[in-house]
Amino acid sequence: MGSENDLGRLLRQRGIAFLLDYIVTLVILAVILVLATYIKRHWPLFRTEEALLTPGFLAIGVRLLPATLLANFDGGLVTGLISAIGLLVTGGWIFYNWVYVYAHDRQSLGKYLIGLQVRRVDGVPMSYGVAIKRHLLGYPVSILLFGLGILPIVRDPRRQGWHDRLAGTMVESK
């Protein structure tokens, strides 16, 4: 009976940690896209007098950039640049949270908040290669195949999904 409670607790903890990581990732992307949409709807920014009277991003943009520079930009170009920067920032966060931090601390932000960590089955310290295998290869394969790669966590004695088996890792409580 105790092992079923432990299994349920571990599954909840892993699920919550996973959701926390994805929520933070999506919030970063959403903020950038909202900013791009806001600027596109209120373009052109080069009408300085009008922009200075409006609160928010427009007034900040007008104060930071010279009017002649703003007059030469198309709203679509600016929003495209902001969107590209947003994708780069989101990609950077994904690399940081799921590769860099795992290679050093064995846990993402979500796992840190929940109290879980990932360790290699063979006892060797985590590396960038293992983190990339686990997160950038293993998770997509596990999830894209209708989540079938996540299901073994319930039955496997070491609670490994396909992503864990691929990378030779397992999740444990701190």
N, C-alpha and C. Protein backbone atom coordinates (compact mmCIF):
# COMPACT_ATOMS: atom_id res chain seq x y z
N MET A 1 0.83 -1.20 0.00
CA MET A 1 0.00 0.00 0.00
C MET A 1 0.86 1.25 0.00
N GLY A 2 1.96 1.22 0.78
CA GLY A 2 2.83 2.38 0.86
C GLY A 2 3.46 2.71 -0.48
N SER A 3 3.81 1.66 -1.27
CA SER A 3 4.44 1.91 -2.55
C SER A 3 3.47 2.56 -3.54
N GLU A 4 2.17 2.23 -3.44
CA GLU A 4 1.18 2.88 -4.30
C GLU A 4 1.07 4.36 -3.95
N ASN A 5 1.11 4.67 -2.67
CA ASN A 5 1.08 6.08 -2.26
C ASN A 5 2.33 6.81 -2.74
N ASP A 6 3.49 6.13 -2.64
CA ASP A 6 4.73 6.73 -3.12
C ASP A 6 4.67 6.94 -4.63
N LEU A 7 4.13 5.96 -5.35
CA LEU A 7 4.00 6.08 -6.80
C LEU A 7 3.10 7.26 -7.15
N GLY A 8 1.95 7.35 -6.50
CA GLY A 8 1.03 8.46 -6.76
C GLY A 8 1.66 9.80 -6.47
N ARG A 9 2.38 9.87 -5.38
CA ARG A 9 3.05 11.13 -5.01
C ARG A 9 4.11 11.50 -6.04
N LEU A 10 4.93 10.52 -6.44
CA LEU A 10 5.98 10.78 -7.43
C LEU A 10 5.38 11.22 -8.77
N LEU A 11 4.31 10.54 -9.19
CA LEU A 11 3.68 10.91 -10.46
C LEU A 11 3.11 12.32 -10.39
N ARG A 12 2.47 12.68 -9.28
CA ARG A 12 1.95 14.04 -9.12
C ARG A 12 3.08 15.06 -9.13
N GLN A 13 4.14 14.75 -8.40
CA GLN A 13 5.27 15.68 -8.34
C GLN A 13 5.90 15.87 -9.71
N ARG A 14 6.10 14.78 -10.43
CA ARG A 14 6.69 14.89 -11.77
C ARG A 14 5.77 15.66 -12.70
N GLY A 15 4.48 15.40 -12.63
CA GLY A 15 3.53 16.11 -13.48
C GLY A 15 3.49 17.60 -13.18
N ILE A 16 3.49 17.95 -11.91
CA ILE A 16 3.46 19.36 -11.52
C ILE A 16 4.76 20.05 -11.95
N ALA A 17 5.90 19.41 -11.74
CA ALA A 17 7.18 20.00 -12.14
C ALA A 17 7.21 20.22 -13.65
N PHE A 18 6.73 19.25 -14.40
CA PHE A 18 6.66 19.34 -15.87
C PHE A 18 5.78 20.53 -16.28
N LEU A 19 4.61 20.65 -15.66
CA LEU A 19 3.71 21.76 -15.99
C LEU A 19 4.30 23.12 -15.61
N LEU A 20 4.96 23.20 -14.48
CA LEU A 20 5.60 24.46 -14.08
C LEU A 20 6.64 24.90 -15.10
N ASP A 21 7.46 23.96 -15.56
CA ASP A 21 8.46 24.29 -16.57
C ASP A 21 7.82 24.81 -17.86
N TYR A 22 6.75 24.15 -18.30
CA TYR A 22 6.10 24.57 -19.54
C TYR A 22 5.34 25.88 -19.37
N ILE A 23 4.75 26.10 -18.22
CA ILE A 23 4.05 27.37 -17.97
C ILE A 23 5.03 28.53 -18.04
N VAL A 24 6.18 28.41 -17.40
CA VAL A 24 7.18 29.49 -17.44
C VAL A 24 7.62 29.73 -18.88
N THR A 25 7.86 28.67 -19.63
CA THR A 25 8.28 28.79 -21.03
C THR A 25 7.21 29.51 -21.85
N LEU A 26 5.97 29.12 -21.67
CA LEU A 26 4.88 29.75 -22.44
C LEU A 26 4.62 31.20 -22.02
N VAL A 27 4.82 31.52 -20.76
CA VAL A 27 4.64 32.91 -20.31
C VAL A 27 5.67 33.81 -20.98
N ILE A 28 6.92 33.36 -21.05
CA ILE A 28 7.96 34.15 -21.71
C ILE A 28 7.56 34.43 -23.15
N LEU A 29 7.16 33.39 -23.87
CA LEU A 29 6.76 33.55 -25.26
C LEU A 29 5.52 34.43 -25.39
N ALA A 30 4.55 34.26 -24.52
CA ALA A 30 3.31 35.03 -24.59
C ALA A 30 3.56 36.52 -24.36
N VAL A 31 4.41 36.87 -23.42
CA VAL A 31 4.70 38.28 -23.14
C VAL A 31 5.30 38.94 -24.38
N ILE A 32 6.24 38.28 -25.02
CA ILE A 32 6.87 38.83 -26.22
C ILE A 32 5.83 38.99 -27.34
N LEU A 33 4.98 38.00 -27.54
CA LEU A 33 3.98 38.08 -28.60
C LEU A 33 2.92 39.15 -28.32
N VAL A 34 2.56 39.32 -27.07
CA VAL A 34 1.61 40.39 -26.71
C VAL A 34 2.24 41.74 -27.00
N LEU A 35 3.50 41.89 -26.66
CA LEU A 35 4.21 43.13 -26.96
C LEU A 35 4.24 43.41 -28.46
N ALA A 36 4.54 42.40 -29.26
CA ALA A 36 4.58 42.56 -30.72
C ALA A 36 3.20 42.93 -31.26
N THR A 37 2.16 42.30 -30.77
CA THR A 37 0.79 42.60 -31.21
C THR A 37 0.39 44.01 -30.83
N TYR A 38 0.73 44.41 -29.63
CA TYR A 38 0.41 45.76 -29.15
C TYR A 38 1.07 46.82 -30.03
N ILE A 39 2.34 46.62 -30.32
CA ILE A 39 3.05 47.59 -31.15
C ILE A 39 2.49 47.62 -32.56
N LYS A 40 2.17 46.45 -33.12
CA LYS A 40 1.62 46.41 -34.47
C LYS A 40 0.29 47.16 -34.56
N ARG A 41 -0.53 47.02 -33.55
CA ARG A 41 -1.84 47.70 -33.56
C ARG A 41 -1.72 49.21 -33.40
N HIS A 42 -0.66 49.66 -32.79
CA HIS A 42 -0.50 51.09 -32.51
C HIS A 42 0.58 51.74 -33.37
N TRP A 43 0.96 51.09 -34.46
CA TRP A 43 1.97 51.65 -35.35
C TRP A 43 1.31 52.71 -36.20
N PRO A 44 1.88 53.78 -36.61
CA PRO A 44 3.29 54.11 -36.56
C PRO A 44 3.66 54.82 -35.27
N LEU A 45 4.85 54.55 -34.83
CA LEU A 45 5.36 55.18 -33.61
C LEU A 45 5.97 56.55 -33.88
N PHE A 46 6.17 56.89 -35.14
CA PHE A 46 6.88 58.13 -35.43
C PHE A 46 6.04 59.38 -35.21
N ARG A 47 4.75 59.24 -34.92
CA ARG A 47 3.95 60.41 -34.54
C ARG A 47 4.23 60.68 -33.07
N THR A 48 5.33 61.31 -32.83
CA THR A 48 5.88 61.48 -31.49
C THR A 48 4.92 62.13 -30.52
N GLU A 49 4.26 63.19 -30.93
CA GLU A 49 3.37 63.91 -30.01
C GLU A 49 2.26 62.99 -29.51
N GLU A 50 1.69 62.22 -30.43
CA GLU A 50 0.60 61.30 -30.08
C GLU A 50 1.11 60.17 -29.19
N ALA A 51 2.25 59.62 -29.54
CA ALA A 51 2.80 58.48 -28.81
C ALA A 51 3.21 58.86 -27.39
N LEU A 52 3.71 60.08 -27.21
CA LEU A 52 4.12 60.50 -25.87
C LEU A 52 2.93 60.63 -24.93
N LEU A 53 1.75 60.87 -25.48
CA LEU A 53 0.55 61.03 -24.65
C LEU A 53 -0.06 59.70 -24.23
N THR A 54 0.31 58.62 -24.93
CA THR A 54 -0.27 57.32 -24.59
C THR A 54 0.60 56.63 -23.55
N PRO A 55 -0.01 55.95 -22.62
CA PRO A 55 0.79 55.23 -21.61
C PRO A 55 1.34 53.93 -22.19
N GLY A 56 2.36 53.43 -21.60
CA GLY A 56 2.85 52.10 -21.94
C GLY A 56 4.01 52.06 -22.89
N PHE A 57 4.00 51.02 -23.73
CA PHE A 57 5.13 50.72 -24.59
C PHE A 57 5.41 51.81 -25.62
N LEU A 58 4.37 52.44 -26.14
CA LEU A 58 4.58 53.47 -27.16
C LEU A 58 5.43 54.61 -26.65
N ALA A 59 5.09 55.13 -25.50
CA ALA A 59 5.84 56.26 -24.93
C ALA A 59 7.28 55.86 -24.65
N ILE A 60 7.48 54.66 -24.18
CA ILE A 60 8.83 54.18 -23.90
C ILE A 60 9.62 54.07 -25.20
N GLY A 61 9.01 53.49 -26.24
CA GLY A 61 9.68 53.34 -27.53
C GLY A 61 10.05 54.68 -28.14
N VAL A 62 9.16 55.64 -28.07
CA VAL A 62 9.43 56.96 -28.64
C VAL A 62 10.56 57.65 -27.90
N ARG A 63 10.60 57.48 -26.61
CA ARG A 63 11.67 58.11 -25.82
C ARG A 63 13.03 57.45 -26.06
N LEU A 64 13.01 56.16 -26.35
CA LEU A 64 14.28 55.44 -26.52
C LEU A 64 14.86 55.55 -27.93
N LEU A 65 14.01 55.65 -28.93
CA LEU A 65 14.48 55.67 -30.31
C LEU A 65 14.24 57.02 -30.96
N PRO A 66 15.18 57.49 -31.79
CA PRO A 66 14.97 58.76 -32.48
C PRO A 66 13.82 58.67 -33.48
N ALA A 67 13.09 59.75 -33.63
CA ALA A 67 11.91 59.78 -34.51
C ALA A 67 12.27 59.46 -35.96
N THR A 68 13.42 59.89 -36.44
CA THR A 68 13.80 59.60 -37.83
C THR A 68 14.01 58.10 -38.03
N LEU A 69 14.54 57.44 -37.05
CA LEU A 69 14.72 55.99 -37.13
C LEU A 69 13.37 55.29 -37.16
N LEU A 70 12.48 55.72 -36.29
CA LEU A 70 11.14 55.12 -36.23
C LEU A 70 10.35 55.35 -37.49
N ALA A 71 10.53 56.51 -38.13
CA ALA A 71 9.77 56.85 -39.34
C ALA A 71 10.12 55.91 -40.49
N ASN A 72 11.33 55.36 -40.48
CA ASN A 72 11.77 54.50 -41.58
C ASN A 72 11.36 53.04 -41.42
N PHE A 73 10.84 52.68 -40.27
CA PHE A 73 10.47 51.29 -40.04
C PHE A 73 9.00 51.04 -40.32
N ASP A 74 8.76 49.90 -40.85
CA ASP A 74 7.40 49.41 -41.10
C ASP A 74 6.96 48.66 -39.84
N GLY A 75 5.69 48.77 -39.48
CA GLY A 75 5.18 48.08 -38.28
C GLY A 75 5.37 46.58 -38.36
N GLY A 76 5.20 46.00 -39.55
CA GLY A 76 5.37 44.57 -39.72
C GLY A 76 6.82 44.14 -39.49
N LEU A 77 7.75 44.97 -39.92
CA LEU A 77 9.17 44.67 -39.71
C LEU A 77 9.49 44.67 -38.22
N VAL A 78 9.00 45.68 -37.52
CA VAL A 78 9.27 45.78 -36.09
C VAL A 78 8.66 44.60 -35.34
N THR A 79 7.42 44.26 -35.64
CA THR A 79 6.80 43.12 -34.94
C THR A 79 7.47 41.81 -35.31
N GLY A 80 7.94 41.71 -36.55
CA GLY A 80 8.70 40.52 -36.95
C GLY A 80 9.99 40.40 -36.15
N LEU A 81 10.67 41.53 -35.97
CA LEU A 81 11.90 41.53 -35.17
C LEU A 81 11.61 41.17 -33.72
N ILE A 82 10.56 41.74 -33.17
CA ILE A 82 10.20 41.44 -31.78
C ILE A 82 9.84 39.96 -31.64
N SER A 83 9.11 39.43 -32.61
CA SER A 83 8.74 38.01 -32.56
C SER A 83 9.97 37.13 -32.66
N ALA A 84 10.91 37.49 -33.53
CA ALA A 84 12.14 36.71 -33.67
C ALA A 84 12.95 36.75 -32.37
N ILE A 85 13.02 37.93 -31.77
CA ILE A 85 13.73 38.05 -30.49
C ILE A 85 13.02 37.20 -29.43
N GLY A 86 11.68 37.21 -29.45
CA GLY A 86 10.92 36.39 -28.51
C GLY A 86 11.20 34.91 -28.67
N LEU A 87 11.31 34.45 -29.91
CA LEU A 87 11.62 33.05 -30.14
C LEU A 87 13.04 32.72 -29.68
N LEU A 88 13.97 33.64 -29.90
CA LEU A 88 15.34 33.43 -29.43
C LEU A 88 15.41 33.39 -27.91
N VAL A 89 14.68 34.31 -27.26
CA VAL A 89 14.66 34.33 -25.79
C VAL A 89 14.04 33.04 -25.25
N THR A 90 12.95 32.60 -25.87
CA THR A 90 12.29 31.36 -25.45
C THR A 90 13.21 30.16 -25.66
N GLY A 91 13.87 30.12 -26.82
CA GLY A 91 14.83 29.04 -27.08
C GLY A 91 15.97 29.06 -26.08
N GLY A 92 16.43 30.26 -25.74
CA GLY A 92 17.49 30.40 -24.73
C GLY A 92 17.05 29.88 -23.37
N TRP A 93 15.79 30.22 -23.01
CA TRP A 93 15.26 29.73 -21.74
C TRP A 93 15.16 28.21 -21.74
N ILE A 94 14.69 27.63 -22.85
CA ILE A 94 14.58 26.17 -22.94
C ILE A 94 15.95 25.54 -22.77
N PHE A 95 16.96 26.08 -23.46
CA PHE A 95 18.31 25.54 -23.32
C PHE A 95 18.80 25.69 -21.88
N TYR A 96 18.59 26.86 -21.31
CA TYR A 96 19.05 27.10 -19.94
C TYR A 96 18.36 26.16 -18.96
N ASN A 97 17.03 26.09 -19.00
CA ASN A 97 16.26 25.34 -18.01
C ASN A 97 16.38 23.83 -18.20
N TRP A 98 16.49 23.35 -19.43
CA TRP A 98 16.46 21.91 -19.66
C TRP A 98 17.78 21.29 -20.07
N VAL A 99 18.78 22.11 -20.32
CA VAL A 99 20.09 21.54 -20.67
C VAL A 99 21.15 22.04 -19.68
N TYR A 100 21.38 23.34 -19.64
CA TYR A 100 22.44 23.90 -18.79
C TYR A 100 22.23 23.57 -17.31
N VAL A 101 21.03 23.85 -16.80
CA VAL A 101 20.77 23.63 -15.38
C VAL A 101 20.81 22.14 -15.04
N TYR A 102 20.31 21.29 -15.92
CA TYR A 102 20.38 19.85 -15.67
C TYR A 102 21.82 19.37 -15.62
N ALA A 103 22.65 19.86 -16.51
CA ALA A 103 24.05 19.43 -16.53
C ALA A 103 24.77 19.85 -15.25
N HIS A 104 24.32 20.91 -14.60
CA HIS A 104 25.00 21.41 -13.40
C HIS A 104 24.28 21.04 -12.10
N ASP A 105 22.96 21.21 -12.07
CA ASP A 105 22.21 21.01 -10.83
C ASP A 105 21.27 19.82 -10.84
N ARG A 106 21.13 19.12 -11.96
CA ARG A 106 20.29 17.93 -12.12
C ARG A 106 18.81 18.20 -11.94
N GLN A 107 18.38 19.44 -12.12
CA GLN A 107 16.95 19.72 -11.99
C GLN A 107 16.61 21.02 -12.71
N SER A 108 15.41 21.05 -13.26
CA SER A 108 14.89 22.27 -13.88
C SER A 108 14.27 23.13 -12.79
N LEU A 109 13.76 24.28 -13.17
CA LEU A 109 13.09 25.15 -12.21
C LEU A 109 11.91 24.42 -11.57
N GLY A 110 11.09 23.74 -12.38
CA GLY A 110 9.94 23.01 -11.85
C GLY A 110 10.34 21.92 -10.88
N LYS A 111 11.35 21.15 -11.23
CA LYS A 111 11.80 20.08 -10.33
C LYS A 111 12.41 20.67 -9.05
N TYR A 112 13.09 21.80 -9.17
CA TYR A 112 13.64 22.47 -7.99
C TYR A 112 12.53 22.89 -7.04
N LEU A 113 11.47 23.50 -7.58
CA LEU A 113 10.35 23.97 -6.75
C LEU A 113 9.60 22.81 -6.09
N ILE A 114 9.54 21.67 -6.76
CA ILE A 114 8.80 20.51 -6.25
C ILE A 114 9.68 19.63 -5.36
N GLY A 115 11.00 19.69 -5.53
CA GLY A 115 11.89 18.88 -4.71
C GLY A 115 12.32 17.57 -5.36
N LEU A 116 12.46 17.59 -6.67
CA LEU A 116 12.91 16.41 -7.40
C LEU A 116 14.23 16.71 -8.09
N GLN A 117 14.96 15.67 -8.40
CA GLN A 117 16.16 15.83 -9.21
C GLN A 117 16.35 14.61 -10.09
N VAL A 118 17.12 14.78 -11.15
CA VAL A 118 17.38 13.71 -12.09
C VAL A 118 18.82 13.26 -11.89
N ARG A 119 19.01 11.95 -11.88
CA ARG A 119 20.36 11.44 -11.78
C ARG A 119 20.55 10.36 -12.84
N ARG A 120 21.78 10.16 -13.21
CA ARG A 120 22.10 9.10 -14.16
C ARG A 120 22.05 7.76 -13.44
N VAL A 121 21.57 6.76 -14.12
CA VAL A 121 21.45 5.42 -13.55
C VAL A 121 22.83 4.84 -13.24
N ASP A 122 23.82 5.15 -14.06
CA ASP A 122 25.17 4.59 -13.86
C ASP A 122 25.99 5.35 -12.82
N GLY A 123 25.42 6.41 -12.22
CA GLY A 123 26.10 7.15 -11.17
C GLY A 123 27.07 8.22 -11.65
N VAL A 124 27.31 8.29 -12.95
CA VAL A 124 28.20 9.30 -13.52
C VAL A 124 27.49 10.66 -13.45
N PRO A 125 28.23 11.75 -13.21
CA PRO A 125 27.59 13.08 -13.18
C PRO A 125 26.88 13.41 -14.50
N MET A 126 25.84 14.21 -14.41
CA MET A 126 25.09 14.64 -15.59
C MET A 126 26.01 15.42 -16.52
N SER A 127 25.69 15.38 -17.80
CA SER A 127 26.46 16.12 -18.80
C SER A 127 25.48 16.81 -19.76
N TYR A 128 26.01 17.69 -20.58
CA TYR A 128 25.17 18.36 -21.58
C TYR A 128 24.56 17.35 -22.54
N GLY A 129 25.35 16.37 -22.96
CA GLY A 129 24.85 15.36 -23.90
C GLY A 129 23.67 14.58 -23.34
N VAL A 130 23.75 14.20 -22.08
CA VAL A 130 22.66 13.47 -21.43
C VAL A 130 21.42 14.36 -21.33
N ALA A 131 21.61 15.61 -20.93
CA ALA A 131 20.48 16.54 -20.81
C ALA A 131 19.83 16.76 -22.17
N ILE A 132 20.61 16.89 -23.22
CA ILE A 132 20.05 17.08 -24.57
C ILE A 132 19.28 15.83 -24.99
N LYS A 133 19.85 14.65 -24.76
CA LYS A 133 19.15 13.40 -25.10
C LYS A 133 17.81 13.32 -24.37
N ARG A 134 17.82 13.64 -23.09
CA ARG A 134 16.62 13.50 -22.26
C ARG A 134 15.53 14.48 -22.67
N HIS A 135 15.91 15.74 -22.83
CA HIS A 135 14.89 16.77 -23.02
C HIS A 135 14.60 17.14 -24.46
N LEU A 136 15.62 17.25 -25.27
CA LEU A 136 15.39 17.72 -26.63
C LEU A 136 15.13 16.59 -27.62
N LEU A 137 15.46 15.36 -27.24
CA LEU A 137 15.15 14.20 -28.08
C LEU A 137 14.09 13.31 -27.42
N GLY A 138 14.33 12.94 -26.18
CA GLY A 138 13.45 11.98 -25.50
C GLY A 138 12.04 12.48 -25.24
N TYR A 139 11.92 13.69 -24.71
CA TYR A 139 10.58 14.22 -24.43
C TYR A 139 9.73 14.35 -25.69
N PRO A 140 10.24 14.95 -26.77
CA PRO A 140 9.40 15.03 -27.96
C PRO A 140 8.95 13.66 -28.48
N VAL A 141 9.85 12.69 -28.48
CA VAL A 141 9.48 11.34 -28.94
C VAL A 141 8.42 10.76 -28.01
N SER A 142 8.62 10.90 -26.70
CA SER A 142 7.67 10.34 -25.72
C SER A 142 6.29 10.96 -25.84
N ILE A 143 6.24 12.25 -26.08
CA ILE A 143 4.96 12.97 -26.10
C ILE A 143 4.29 12.90 -27.47
N LEU A 144 5.07 13.03 -28.54
CA LEU A 144 4.48 13.05 -29.88
C LEU A 144 3.86 11.73 -30.28
N LEU A 145 4.29 10.65 -29.68
CA LEU A 145 3.68 9.35 -29.97
C LEU A 145 2.51 9.12 -29.01
N PHE A 146 1.64 10.11 -28.96
CA PHE A 146 0.41 10.06 -28.16
C PHE A 146 0.67 9.84 -26.67
N GLY A 147 1.83 10.27 -26.19
CA GLY A 147 2.15 10.14 -24.78
C GLY A 147 2.55 8.75 -24.34
N LEU A 148 2.71 7.84 -25.30
CA LEU A 148 3.05 6.46 -24.95
C LEU A 148 4.38 6.35 -24.21
N GLY A 149 5.28 7.28 -24.45
CA GLY A 149 6.58 7.23 -23.79
C GLY A 149 6.53 7.64 -22.33
N ILE A 150 5.44 8.25 -21.91
CA ILE A 150 5.28 8.66 -20.51
C ILE A 150 4.67 7.52 -19.69
N LEU A 151 3.85 6.69 -20.31
CA LEU A 151 3.13 5.63 -19.60
C LEU A 151 4.02 4.63 -18.85
N PRO A 152 5.20 4.27 -19.36
CA PRO A 152 6.02 3.31 -18.61
C PRO A 152 6.41 3.77 -17.20
N ILE A 153 6.32 5.05 -16.92
CA ILE A 153 6.66 5.56 -15.58
C ILE A 153 5.80 4.86 -14.52
N VAL A 154 4.57 4.52 -14.87
CA VAL A 154 3.65 3.89 -13.92
C VAL A 154 4.07 2.46 -13.60
N ARG A 155 4.52 1.70 -14.58
CA ARG A 155 4.82 0.27 -14.41
C ARG A 155 6.30 -0.02 -14.14
N ASP A 156 7.17 0.79 -14.65
CA ASP A 156 8.61 0.54 -14.54
C ASP A 156 9.06 0.63 -13.09
N PRO A 157 9.87 -0.32 -12.60
CA PRO A 157 10.31 -0.28 -11.21
C PRO A 157 11.16 0.96 -10.88
N ARG A 158 11.90 1.47 -11.87
CA ARG A 158 12.71 2.67 -11.64
C ARG A 158 11.98 3.94 -12.05
N ARG A 159 10.71 3.81 -12.47
CA ARG A 159 9.87 4.95 -12.86
C ARG A 159 10.48 5.73 -14.02
N GLN A 160 10.96 5.01 -15.03
CA GLN A 160 11.57 5.63 -16.19
C GLN A 160 10.62 5.65 -17.37
N GLY A 161 10.47 6.81 -17.97
CA GLY A 161 9.78 6.93 -19.24
C GLY A 161 10.79 6.71 -20.36
N TRP A 162 10.32 6.79 -21.60
CA TRP A 162 11.24 6.60 -22.72
C TRP A 162 12.37 7.63 -22.69
N HIS A 163 12.04 8.87 -22.31
CA HIS A 163 13.06 9.92 -22.26
C HIS A 163 14.14 9.58 -21.24
N ASP A 164 13.75 8.98 -20.11
CA ASP A 164 14.72 8.57 -19.11
C ASP A 164 15.57 7.40 -19.61
N ARG A 165 14.93 6.43 -20.24
CA ARG A 165 15.66 5.26 -20.75
C ARG A 165 16.65 5.68 -21.83
N LEU A 166 16.22 6.56 -22.72
CA LEU A 166 17.10 7.04 -23.79
C LEU A 166 18.35 7.70 -23.22
N ALA A 167 18.18 8.49 -22.17
CA ALA A 167 19.31 9.23 -21.58
C ALA A 167 19.99 8.47 -20.45
N GLY A 168 19.40 7.36 -19.99
CA GLY A 168 20.00 6.61 -18.89
C GLY A 168 19.86 7.36 -17.56
N THR A 169 18.68 7.97 -17.34
CA THR A 169 18.43 8.75 -16.14
C THR A 169 17.22 8.25 -15.39
N MET A 170 17.06 8.75 -14.18
CA MET A 170 15.85 8.48 -13.41
C MET A 170 15.60 9.68 -12.49
N VAL A 171 14.35 9.87 -12.11
CA VAL A 171 13.95 10.99 -11.25
C VAL A 171 13.79 10.49 -9.84
N GLU A 172 14.28 11.27 -8.88
CA GLU A 172 14.15 10.91 -7.48
C GLU A 172 13.89 12.15 -6.65
N SER A 173 13.35 11.94 -5.45
CA SER A 173 13.15 13.05 -4.50
C SER A 173 14.50 13.45 -3.92
N LYS A 174 14.62 14.74 -3.62
CA LYS A 174 15.87 15.21 -3.01
C LYS A 174 15.96 14.80 -1.58
